[in-house]
Amino acid sequence: LLACTMVLAATETAQAALEKPLLLLIDDPAAELDGGSL
């Protein structure tokens, strides 16, 4: 979750700077996360 925090924040920051949406790839988001975290 902490690493995902970093990835999502980087994505948000770059989108704001570039003024366009980015591509986000997520491989098996449920791995190692409980239902609430997911």
Full PDB file with SEQRES, HELIX, SHEET, SSBOND, CRYST1, ORIGX, SCALE, CONECT and MASTER records, all heavy atoms in Angstrom:
SEQRES   1 A   38  LEU LEU ALA CYS THR MET VAL LEU ALA ALA THR GLU THR          
SEQRES   2 A   38  ALA GLN ALA ALA LEU GLU LYS PRO LEU LEU LEU LEU ILE          
SEQRES   3 A   38  ASP ASP PRO ALA ALA GLU LEU ASP GLY GLY SER LEU              
HELIX    1 AA1 LEU A    2  LEU A   18  1                                  17    
CRYST1    1.000    1.000    1.000  90.00  90.00  90.00 P 1           1          
ORIGX1      1.000000  0.000000  0.000000        0.00000                         
ORIGX2      0.000000  1.000000  0.000000        0.00000                         
ORIGX3      0.000000  0.000000  1.000000        0.00000                         
SCALE1      1.000000  0.000000  0.000000        0.00000                         
SCALE2      0.000000  1.000000  0.000000        0.00000                         
SCALE3      0.000000  0.000000  1.000000        0.00000                         
ATOM      1  N   LEU A   1       0.825  -1.209   0.000  1.00  0.00           N  
ATOM      2  CA  LEU A   1       0.000   0.000   0.000  1.00  0.00           C  
ATOM      3  C   LEU A   1       0.858   1.256   0.000  1.00  0.00           C  
ATOM      4  O   LEU A   1       0.516   2.254  -0.649  1.00  0.00           O  
ATOM      5  CB  LEU A   1      -0.936  -0.006   1.208  1.00  0.00           C  
ATOM      6  CG  LEU A   1      -2.101  -1.004   1.149  1.00  0.00           C  
ATOM      7  CD1 LEU A   1      -2.877  -0.978   2.464  1.00  0.00           C  
ATOM      8  CD2 LEU A   1      -3.032  -0.692  -0.017  1.00  0.00           C  
ATOM      9  N   LEU A   2       1.977   1.212   0.723  1.00  0.00           N  
ATOM     10  CA  LEU A   2       2.872   2.369   0.736  1.00  0.00           C  
ATOM     11  C   LEU A   2       3.500   2.573  -0.645  1.00  0.00           C  
ATOM     12  O   LEU A   2       3.596   3.697  -1.140  1.00  0.00           O  
ATOM     13  CB  LEU A   2       3.955   2.179   1.803  1.00  0.00           C  
ATOM     14  CG  LEU A   2       4.969   3.315   1.964  1.00  0.00           C  
ATOM     15  CD1 LEU A   2       4.278   4.664   2.130  1.00  0.00           C  
ATOM     16  CD2 LEU A   2       5.878   3.032   3.156  1.00  0.00           C  
ATOM     17  N   ALA A   3       3.913   1.475  -1.271  1.00  0.00           N  
ATOM     18  CA  ALA A   3       4.463   1.575  -2.623  1.00  0.00           C  
ATOM     19  C   ALA A   3       3.403   2.061  -3.606  1.00  0.00           C  
ATOM     20  O   ALA A   3       3.691   2.877  -4.492  1.00  0.00           O  
ATOM     21  CB  ALA A   3       5.028   0.225  -3.062  1.00  0.00           C  
ATOM     22  N   CYS A   4       2.179   1.575  -3.465  1.00  0.00           N  
ATOM     23  CA  CYS A   4       1.078   2.046  -4.324  1.00  0.00           C  
ATOM     24  C   CYS A   4       0.820   3.529  -4.098  1.00  0.00           C  
ATOM     25  O   CYS A   4       0.495   4.262  -5.054  1.00  0.00           O  
ATOM     26  CB  CYS A   4      -0.183   1.242  -4.050  1.00  0.00           C  
ATOM     27  SG  CYS A   4      -0.139  -0.459  -4.675  1.00  0.00           S  
ATOM     28  N   THR A   5       0.943   3.981  -2.859  1.00  0.00           N  
ATOM     29  CA  THR A   5       0.830   5.407  -2.571  1.00  0.00           C  
ATOM     30  C   THR A   5       1.807   6.198  -3.426  1.00  0.00           C  
ATOM     31  O   THR A   5       1.456   7.221  -4.034  1.00  0.00           O  
ATOM     32  CB  THR A   5       1.114   5.670  -1.077  1.00  0.00           C  
ATOM     33  OG1 THR A   5       0.066   5.105  -0.292  1.00  0.00           O  
ATOM     34  CG2 THR A   5       1.214   7.161  -0.780  1.00  0.00           C  
ATOM     35  N   MET A   6       3.040   5.722  -3.498  1.00  0.00           N  
ATOM     36  CA  MET A   6       4.070   6.412  -4.274  1.00  0.00           C  
ATOM     37  C   MET A   6       3.749   6.392  -5.763  1.00  0.00           C  
ATOM     38  O   MET A   6       3.864   7.412  -6.457  1.00  0.00           O  
ATOM     39  CB  MET A   6       5.426   5.774  -3.999  1.00  0.00           C  
ATOM     40  CG  MET A   6       5.877   5.910  -2.545  1.00  0.00           C  
ATOM     41  SD  MET A   6       7.386   4.977  -2.163  1.00  0.00           S  
ATOM     42  CE  MET A   6       8.595   5.879  -3.139  1.00  0.00           C  
ATOM     43  N   VAL A   7       3.333   5.242  -6.277  1.00  0.00           N  
ATOM     44  CA  VAL A   7       3.026   5.123  -7.710  1.00  0.00           C  
ATOM     45  C   VAL A   7       1.851   6.020  -8.096  1.00  0.00           C  
ATOM     46  O   VAL A   7       1.901   6.741  -9.092  1.00  0.00           O  
ATOM     47  CB  VAL A   7       2.739   3.662  -8.080  1.00  0.00           C  
ATOM     48  CG1 VAL A   7       2.214   3.558  -9.507  1.00  0.00           C  
ATOM     49  CG2 VAL A   7       3.989   2.805  -7.918  1.00  0.00           C  
ATOM     50  N   LEU A   8       0.786   5.978  -7.299  1.00  0.00           N  
ATOM     51  CA  LEU A   8      -0.403   6.774  -7.638  1.00  0.00           C  
ATOM     52  C   LEU A   8      -0.122   8.265  -7.504  1.00  0.00           C  
ATOM     53  O   LEU A   8      -0.609   9.068  -8.313  1.00  0.00           O  
ATOM     54  CB  LEU A   8      -1.577   6.368  -6.738  1.00  0.00           C  
ATOM     55  CG  LEU A   8      -2.037   4.909  -6.850  1.00  0.00           C  
ATOM     56  CD1 LEU A   8      -3.316   4.690  -6.043  1.00  0.00           C  
ATOM     57  CD2 LEU A   8      -2.253   4.492  -8.296  1.00  0.00           C  
ATOM     58  N   ALA A   9       0.673   8.652  -6.507  1.00  0.00           N  
ATOM     59  CA  ALA A   9       1.009  10.068  -6.347  1.00  0.00           C  
ATOM     60  C   ALA A   9       1.876  10.552  -7.510  1.00  0.00           C  
ATOM     61  O   ALA A   9       1.707  11.676  -7.994  1.00  0.00           O  
ATOM     62  CB  ALA A   9       1.726  10.291  -5.022  1.00  0.00           C  
ATOM     63  N   ALA A  10       2.800   9.715  -7.959  1.00  0.00           N  
ATOM     64  CA  ALA A  10       3.624  10.079  -9.117  1.00  0.00           C  
ATOM     65  C   ALA A  10       2.749  10.238 -10.357  1.00  0.00           C  
ATOM     66  O   ALA A  10       2.935  11.166 -11.157  1.00  0.00           O  
ATOM     67  CB  ALA A  10       4.692   9.021  -9.346  1.00  0.00           C  
ATOM     68  N   THR A  11       1.796   9.321 -10.530  1.00  0.00           N  
ATOM     69  CA  THR A  11       0.879   9.400 -11.674  1.00  0.00           C  
ATOM     70  C   THR A  11       0.072  10.689 -11.630  1.00  0.00           C  
ATOM     71  O   THR A  11      -0.054  11.402 -12.637  1.00  0.00           O  
ATOM     72  CB  THR A  11      -0.072   8.190 -11.666  1.00  0.00           C  
ATOM     73  OG1 THR A  11       0.699   6.980 -11.682  1.00  0.00           O  
ATOM     74  CG2 THR A  11      -0.991   8.215 -12.876  1.00  0.00           C  
ATOM     75  N   GLU A  12      -0.476  11.002 -10.467  1.00  0.00           N  
ATOM     76  CA  GLU A  12      -1.271  12.229 -10.313  1.00  0.00           C  
ATOM     77  C   GLU A  12      -0.430  13.469 -10.597  1.00  0.00           C  
ATOM     78  O   GLU A  12      -0.884  14.411 -11.272  1.00  0.00           O  
ATOM     79  CB  GLU A  12      -1.837  12.283  -8.898  1.00  0.00           C  
ATOM     80  CG  GLU A  12      -2.710  13.499  -8.629  1.00  0.00           C  
ATOM     81  CD  GLU A  12      -3.320  13.492  -7.226  1.00  0.00           C  
ATOM     82  OE1 GLU A  12      -3.335  12.417  -6.587  1.00  0.00           O  
ATOM     83  OE2 GLU A  12      -3.783  14.556  -6.780  1.00  0.00           O  
ATOM     84  N   THR A  13       0.799  13.482 -10.099  1.00  0.00           N  
ATOM     85  CA  THR A  13       1.684  14.637 -10.281  1.00  0.00           C  
ATOM     86  C   THR A  13       2.034  14.838 -11.751  1.00  0.00           C  
ATOM     87  O   THR A  13       2.002  15.955 -12.269  1.00  0.00           O  
ATOM     88  CB  THR A  13       2.965  14.451  -9.453  1.00  0.00           C  
ATOM     89  OG1 THR A  13       2.621  14.292  -8.075  1.00  0.00           O  
ATOM     90  CG2 THR A  13       3.895  15.648  -9.606  1.00  0.00           C  
ATOM     91  N   ALA A  14       2.382  13.743 -12.442  1.00  0.00           N  
ATOM     92  CA  ALA A  14       2.736  13.844 -13.860  1.00  0.00           C  
ATOM     93  C   ALA A  14       1.536  14.240 -14.704  1.00  0.00           C  
ATOM     94  O   ALA A  14       1.664  15.030 -15.652  1.00  0.00           O  
ATOM     95  CB  ALA A  14       3.322  12.521 -14.340  1.00  0.00           C  
ATOM     96  N   GLN A  15       0.360  13.709 -14.373  1.00  0.00           N  
ATOM     97  CA  GLN A  15      -0.846  14.089 -15.119  1.00  0.00           C  
ATOM     98  C   GLN A  15      -1.114  15.587 -15.008  1.00  0.00           C  
ATOM     99  O   GLN A  15      -1.476  16.227 -15.990  1.00  0.00           O  
ATOM    100  CB  GLN A  15      -2.058  13.311 -14.602  1.00  0.00           C  
ATOM    101  CG  GLN A  15      -2.098  11.866 -15.046  1.00  0.00           C  
ATOM    102  CD  GLN A  15      -3.412  11.169 -14.700  1.00  0.00           C  
ATOM    103  OE1 GLN A  15      -3.766  10.189 -15.330  1.00  0.00           O  
ATOM    104  NE2 GLN A  15      -4.130  11.654 -13.712  1.00  0.00           N  
ATOM    105  N   ALA A  16      -0.922  16.132 -13.817  1.00  0.00           N  
ATOM    106  CA  ALA A  16      -1.151  17.567 -13.628  1.00  0.00           C  
ATOM    107  C   ALA A  16      -0.148  18.390 -14.428  1.00  0.00           C  
ATOM    108  O   ALA A  16      -0.504  19.414 -15.024  1.00  0.00           O  
ATOM    109  CB  ALA A  16      -1.055  17.913 -12.146  1.00  0.00           C  
ATOM    110  N   ALA A  17       1.099  17.937 -14.468  1.00  0.00           N  
ATOM    111  CA  ALA A  17       2.128  18.674 -15.198  1.00  0.00           C  
ATOM    112  C   ALA A  17       1.938  18.577 -16.706  1.00  0.00           C  
ATOM    113  O   ALA A  17       2.115  19.556 -17.438  1.00  0.00           O  
ATOM    114  CB  ALA A  17       3.513  18.159 -14.812  1.00  0.00           C  
ATOM    115  N   LEU A  18       1.565  17.389 -17.178  1.00  0.00           N  
ATOM    116  CA  LEU A  18       1.412  17.159 -18.616  1.00  0.00           C  
ATOM    117  C   LEU A  18       0.033  17.552 -19.137  1.00  0.00           C  
ATOM    118  O   LEU A  18      -0.175  17.654 -20.347  1.00  0.00           O  
ATOM    119  CB  LEU A  18       1.671  15.684 -18.939  1.00  0.00           C  
ATOM    120  CG  LEU A  18       3.065  15.154 -18.600  1.00  0.00           C  
ATOM    121  CD1 LEU A  18       3.127  13.641 -18.816  1.00  0.00           C  
ATOM    122  CD2 LEU A  18       4.132  15.856 -19.425  1.00  0.00           C  
ATOM    123  N   GLU A  19      -0.907  17.716 -18.209  1.00  0.00           N  
ATOM    124  CA  GLU A  19      -2.287  18.080 -18.540  1.00  0.00           C  
ATOM    125  C   GLU A  19      -2.934  17.042 -19.454  1.00  0.00           C  
ATOM    126  O   GLU A  19      -3.617  17.394 -20.424  1.00  0.00           O  
ATOM    127  CB  GLU A  19      -2.343  19.479 -19.168  1.00  0.00           C  
ATOM    128  CG  GLU A  19      -1.848  20.577 -18.236  1.00  0.00           C  
ATOM    129  CD  GLU A  19      -1.961  21.961 -18.848  1.00  0.00           C  
ATOM    130  OE1 GLU A  19      -1.906  22.070 -20.094  1.00  0.00           O  
ATOM    131  OE2 GLU A  19      -2.105  22.933 -18.087  1.00  0.00           O  
ATOM    132  N   LYS A  20      -2.700  15.785 -19.140  1.00  0.00           N  
ATOM    133  CA  LYS A  20      -3.334  14.702 -19.880  1.00  0.00           C  
ATOM    134  C   LYS A  20      -3.298  13.437 -19.033  1.00  0.00           C  
ATOM    135  O   LYS A  20      -2.447  13.306 -18.136  1.00  0.00           O  
ATOM    136  CB  LYS A  20      -2.633  14.455 -21.217  1.00  0.00           C  
ATOM    137  CG  LYS A  20      -1.198  13.965 -21.096  1.00  0.00           C  
ATOM    138  CD  LYS A  20      -0.597  13.732 -22.478  1.00  0.00           C  
ATOM    139  CE  LYS A  20       0.819  13.178 -22.389  1.00  0.00           C  
ATOM    140  NZ  LYS A  20       1.418  12.974 -23.734  1.00  0.00           N  
ATOM    141  N   PRO A  21      -4.222  12.501 -19.267  1.00  0.00           N  
ATOM    142  CA  PRO A  21      -4.234  11.267 -18.481  1.00  0.00           C  
ATOM    143  C   PRO A  21      -3.066  10.365 -18.857  1.00  0.00           C  
ATOM    144  O   PRO A  21      -2.602  10.351 -20.000  1.00  0.00           O  
ATOM    145  CB  PRO A  21      -5.576  10.624 -18.850  1.00  0.00           C  
ATOM    146  CG  PRO A  21      -5.890  11.170 -20.199  1.00  0.00           C  
ATOM    147  CD  PRO A  21      -5.343  12.561 -20.230  1.00  0.00           C  
ATOM    148  N   LEU A  22      -2.592   9.598 -17.884  1.00  0.00           N  
ATOM    149  CA  LEU A  22      -1.533   8.624 -18.099  1.00  0.00           C  
ATOM    150  C   LEU A  22      -2.117   7.227 -18.185  1.00  0.00           C  
ATOM    151  O   LEU A  22      -3.295   7.017 -17.885  1.00  0.00           O  
ATOM    152  CB  LEU A  22      -0.502   8.680 -16.965  1.00  0.00           C  
ATOM    153  CG  LEU A  22       0.710   9.604 -17.193  1.00  0.00           C  
ATOM    154  CD1 LEU A  22       0.257  11.062 -17.291  1.00  0.00           C  
ATOM    155  CD2 LEU A  22       1.725   9.449 -16.071  1.00  0.00           C  
ATOM    156  N   LEU A  23      -1.285   6.283 -18.562  1.00  0.00           N  
ATOM    157  CA  LEU A  23      -1.645   4.866 -18.561  1.00  0.00           C  
ATOM    158  C   LEU A  23      -1.131   4.248 -17.264  1.00  0.00           C  
ATOM    159  O   LEU A  23       0.049   4.369 -16.939  1.00  0.00           O  
ATOM    160  CB  LEU A  23      -1.022   4.156 -19.764  1.00  0.00           C  
ATOM    161  CG  LEU A  23      -1.147   2.623 -19.807  1.00  0.00           C  
ATOM    162  CD1 LEU A  23      -2.600   2.189 -19.841  1.00  0.00           C  
ATOM    163  CD2 LEU A  23      -0.377   2.062 -21.007  1.00  0.00           C  
ATOM    164  N   LEU A  24      -2.021   3.583 -16.531  1.00  0.00           N  
ATOM    165  CA  LEU A  24      -1.648   2.896 -15.302  1.00  0.00           C  
ATOM    166  C   LEU A  24      -1.887   1.404 -15.485  1.00  0.00           C  
ATOM    167  O   LEU A  24      -3.006   0.972 -15.765  1.00  0.00           O  
ATOM    168  CB  LEU A  24      -2.472   3.415 -14.116  1.00  0.00           C  
ATOM    169  CG  LEU A  24      -2.227   2.737 -12.764  1.00  0.00           C  
ATOM    170  CD1 LEU A  24      -0.787   2.957 -12.300  1.00  0.00           C  
ATOM    171  CD2 LEU A  24      -3.206   3.263 -11.715  1.00  0.00           C  
ATOM    172  N   LEU A  25      -0.837   0.611 -15.352  1.00  0.00           N  
ATOM    173  CA  LEU A  25      -0.913  -0.840 -15.461  1.00  0.00           C  
ATOM    174  C   LEU A  25      -0.883  -1.440 -14.064  1.00  0.00           C  
ATOM    175  O   LEU A  25      -0.019  -1.092 -13.256  1.00  0.00           O  
ATOM    176  CB  LEU A  25       0.276  -1.367 -16.280  1.00  0.00           C  
ATOM    177  CG  LEU A  25       0.484  -0.751 -17.661  1.00  0.00           C  
ATOM    178  CD1 LEU A  25       1.773  -1.267 -18.298  1.00  0.00           C  
ATOM    179  CD2 LEU A  25      -0.702  -1.036 -18.570  1.00  0.00           C  
ATOM    180  N   ILE A  26      -1.823  -2.347 -13.779  1.00  0.00           N  
ATOM    181  CA  ILE A  26      -1.903  -2.967 -12.453  1.00  0.00           C  
ATOM    182  C   ILE A  26      -1.974  -4.477 -12.617  1.00  0.00           C  
ATOM    183  O   ILE A  26      -2.953  -5.004 -13.140  1.00  0.00           O  
ATOM    184  CB  ILE A  26      -3.131  -2.471 -11.656  1.00  0.00           C  
ATOM    185  CG1 ILE A  26      -3.256  -0.944 -11.704  1.00  0.00           C  
ATOM    186  CG2 ILE A  26      -3.032  -2.944 -10.207  1.00  0.00           C  
ATOM    187  CD1 ILE A  26      -4.473  -0.409 -10.961  1.00  0.00           C  
ATOM    188  N   ASP A  27      -0.945  -5.154 -12.154  1.00  0.00           N  
ATOM    189  CA  ASP A  27      -0.902  -6.608 -12.266  1.00  0.00           C  
ATOM    190  C   ASP A  27      -1.406  -7.231 -10.964  1.00  0.00           C  
ATOM    191  O   ASP A  27      -0.774  -7.098  -9.915  1.00  0.00           O  
ATOM    192  CB  ASP A  27       0.539  -7.063 -12.542  1.00  0.00           C  
ATOM    193  CG  ASP A  27       0.613  -8.517 -12.965  1.00  0.00           C  
ATOM    194  OD1 ASP A  27      -0.440  -9.101 -13.293  1.00  0.00           O  
ATOM    195  OD2 ASP A  27       1.724  -9.077 -12.977  1.00  0.00           O  
ATOM    196  N   ASP A  28      -2.555  -7.896 -11.050  1.00  0.00           N  
ATOM    197  CA  ASP A  28      -3.162  -8.601  -9.918  1.00  0.00           C  
ATOM    198  C   ASP A  28      -3.257  -7.711  -8.681  1.00  0.00           C  
ATOM    199  O   ASP A  28      -2.581  -7.951  -7.674  1.00  0.00           O  
ATOM    200  CB  ASP A  28      -2.375  -9.864  -9.594  1.00  0.00           C  
ATOM    201  CG  ASP A  28      -3.136 -10.801  -8.667  1.00  0.00           C  
ATOM    202  OD1 ASP A  28      -4.325 -10.547  -8.400  1.00  0.00           O  
ATOM    203  OD2 ASP A  28      -2.524 -11.778  -8.194  1.00  0.00           O  
ATOM    204  N   PRO A  29      -4.091  -6.676  -8.703  1.00  0.00           N  
ATOM    205  CA  PRO A  29      -4.169  -5.744  -7.570  1.00  0.00           C  
ATOM    206  C   PRO A  29      -4.576  -6.392  -6.260  1.00  0.00           C  
ATOM    207  O   PRO A  29      -4.236  -5.887  -5.186  1.00  0.00           O  
ATOM    208  CB  PRO A  29      -5.225  -4.723  -8.035  1.00  0.00           C  
ATOM    209  CG  PRO A  29      -5.990  -5.417  -9.115  1.00  0.00           C  
ATOM    210  CD  PRO A  29      -5.022  -6.321  -9.786  1.00  0.00           C  
ATOM    211  N   ALA A  30      -5.275  -7.529  -6.318  1.00  0.00           N  
ATOM    212  CA  ALA A  30      -5.754  -8.164  -5.079  1.00  0.00           C  
ATOM    213  C   ALA A  30      -4.658  -8.899  -4.319  1.00  0.00           C  
ATOM    214  O   ALA A  30      -4.837  -9.208  -3.128  1.00  0.00           O  
ATOM    215  CB  ALA A  30      -6.884  -9.148  -5.410  1.00  0.00           C  
ATOM    216  N   ALA A  31      -3.525  -9.161  -4.949  1.00  0.00           N  
ATOM    217  CA  ALA A  31      -2.458  -9.932  -4.294  1.00  0.00           C  
ATOM    218  C   ALA A  31      -1.988  -9.239  -3.025  1.00  0.00           C  
ATOM    219  O   ALA A  31      -1.669  -8.048  -3.032  1.00  0.00           O  
ATOM    220  CB  ALA A  31      -1.297 -10.128  -5.252  1.00  0.00           C  
ATOM    221  N   GLU A  32      -1.971  -9.979  -1.914  1.00  0.00           N  
ATOM    222  CA  GLU A  32      -1.454  -9.543  -0.614  1.00  0.00           C  
ATOM    223  C   GLU A  32      -2.292  -8.462   0.061  1.00  0.00           C  
ATOM    224  O   GLU A  32      -1.862  -7.878   1.055  1.00  0.00           O  
ATOM    225  CB  GLU A  32      -0.004  -9.075  -0.733  1.00  0.00           C  
ATOM    226  CG  GLU A  32       0.942 -10.167  -1.215  1.00  0.00           C  
ATOM    227  CD  GLU A  32       2.382  -9.724  -1.268  1.00  0.00           C  
ATOM    228  OE1 GLU A  32       2.651  -8.727  -1.956  1.00  0.00           O  
ATOM    229  OE2 GLU A  32       3.219 -10.365  -0.609  1.00  0.00           O  
ATOM    230  N   LEU A  33      -3.483  -8.194  -0.466  1.00  0.00           N  
ATOM    231  CA  LEU A  33      -4.338  -7.175   0.143  1.00  0.00           C  
ATOM    232  C   LEU A  33      -5.654  -7.798   0.607  1.00  0.00           C  
ATOM    233  O   LEU A  33      -6.232  -8.635  -0.094  1.00  0.00           O  
ATOM    234  CB  LEU A  33      -4.640  -6.053  -0.861  1.00  0.00           C  
ATOM    235  CG  LEU A  33      -3.462  -5.225  -1.368  1.00  0.00           C  
ATOM    236  CD1 LEU A  33      -3.960  -4.153  -2.328  1.00  0.00           C  
ATOM    237  CD2 LEU A  33      -2.679  -4.592  -0.219  1.00  0.00           C  
ATOM    238  N   ASP A  34      -6.120  -7.365   1.774  1.00  0.00           N  
ATOM    239  CA  ASP A  34      -7.435  -7.799   2.222  1.00  0.00           C  
ATOM    240  C   ASP A  34      -8.502  -7.010   1.466  1.00  0.00           C  
ATOM    241  O   ASP A  34      -8.207  -6.070   0.712  1.00  0.00           O  
ATOM    242  CB  ASP A  34      -7.575  -7.624   3.734  1.00  0.00           C  
ATOM    243  CG  ASP A  34      -7.367  -6.181   4.198  1.00  0.00           C  
ATOM    244  OD1 ASP A  34      -7.918  -5.258   3.568  1.00  0.00           O  
ATOM    245  OD2 ASP A  34      -6.651  -5.976   5.202  1.00  0.00           O  
ATOM    246  N   GLY A  35      -9.748  -7.384   1.672  1.00  0.00           N  
ATOM    247  CA  GLY A  35     -10.837  -6.773   0.913  1.00  0.00           C  
ATOM    248  C   GLY A  35     -10.933  -5.274   1.089  1.00  0.00           C  
ATOM    249  O   GLY A  35     -11.117  -4.526   0.121  1.00  0.00           O  
ATOM    250  N   GLY A  36     -10.777  -4.809   2.325  1.00  0.00           N  
ATOM    251  CA  GLY A  36     -10.871  -3.376   2.585  1.00  0.00           C  
ATOM    252  C   GLY A  36      -9.741  -2.596   1.943  1.00  0.00           C  
ATOM    253  O   GLY A  36      -9.950  -1.506   1.381  1.00  0.00           O  
ATOM    254  N   SER A  37      -8.519  -3.137   2.013  1.00  0.00           N  
ATOM    255  CA  SER A  37      -7.366  -2.471   1.409  1.00  0.00           C  
ATOM    256  C   SER A  37      -7.501  -2.397  -0.104  1.00  0.00           C  
ATOM    257  O   SER A  37      -7.190  -1.379  -0.731  1.00  0.00           O  
ATOM    258  CB  SER A  37      -6.086  -3.206   1.785  1.00  0.00           C  
ATOM    259  OG  SER A  37      -5.859  -3.157   3.180  1.00  0.00           O  
ATOM    260  N   LEU A  38      -7.982  -3.500  -0.702  1.00  0.00           N  
ATOM    261  CA  LEU A  38      -8.176  -3.514  -2.151  1.00  0.00           C  
ATOM    262  C   LEU A  38      -9.221  -2.485  -2.564  1.00  0.00           C  
ATOM    263  O   LEU A  38      -9.050  -1.775  -3.559  1.00  0.00           O  
ATOM    264  CB  LEU A  38      -8.598  -4.910  -2.602  1.00  0.00           C  
ATOM    265  CG  LEU A  38      -8.905  -5.080  -4.087  1.00  0.00           C  
ATOM    266  CD1 LEU A  38      -7.682  -4.760  -4.938  1.00  0.00           C  
ATOM    267  CD2 LEU A  38      -9.405  -6.491  -4.380  1.00  0.00           C  
TER     268      LEU A  38                                                      
MASTER        0    0    0    1    0    0    0    6  267    1    0    3          
END                                                                             
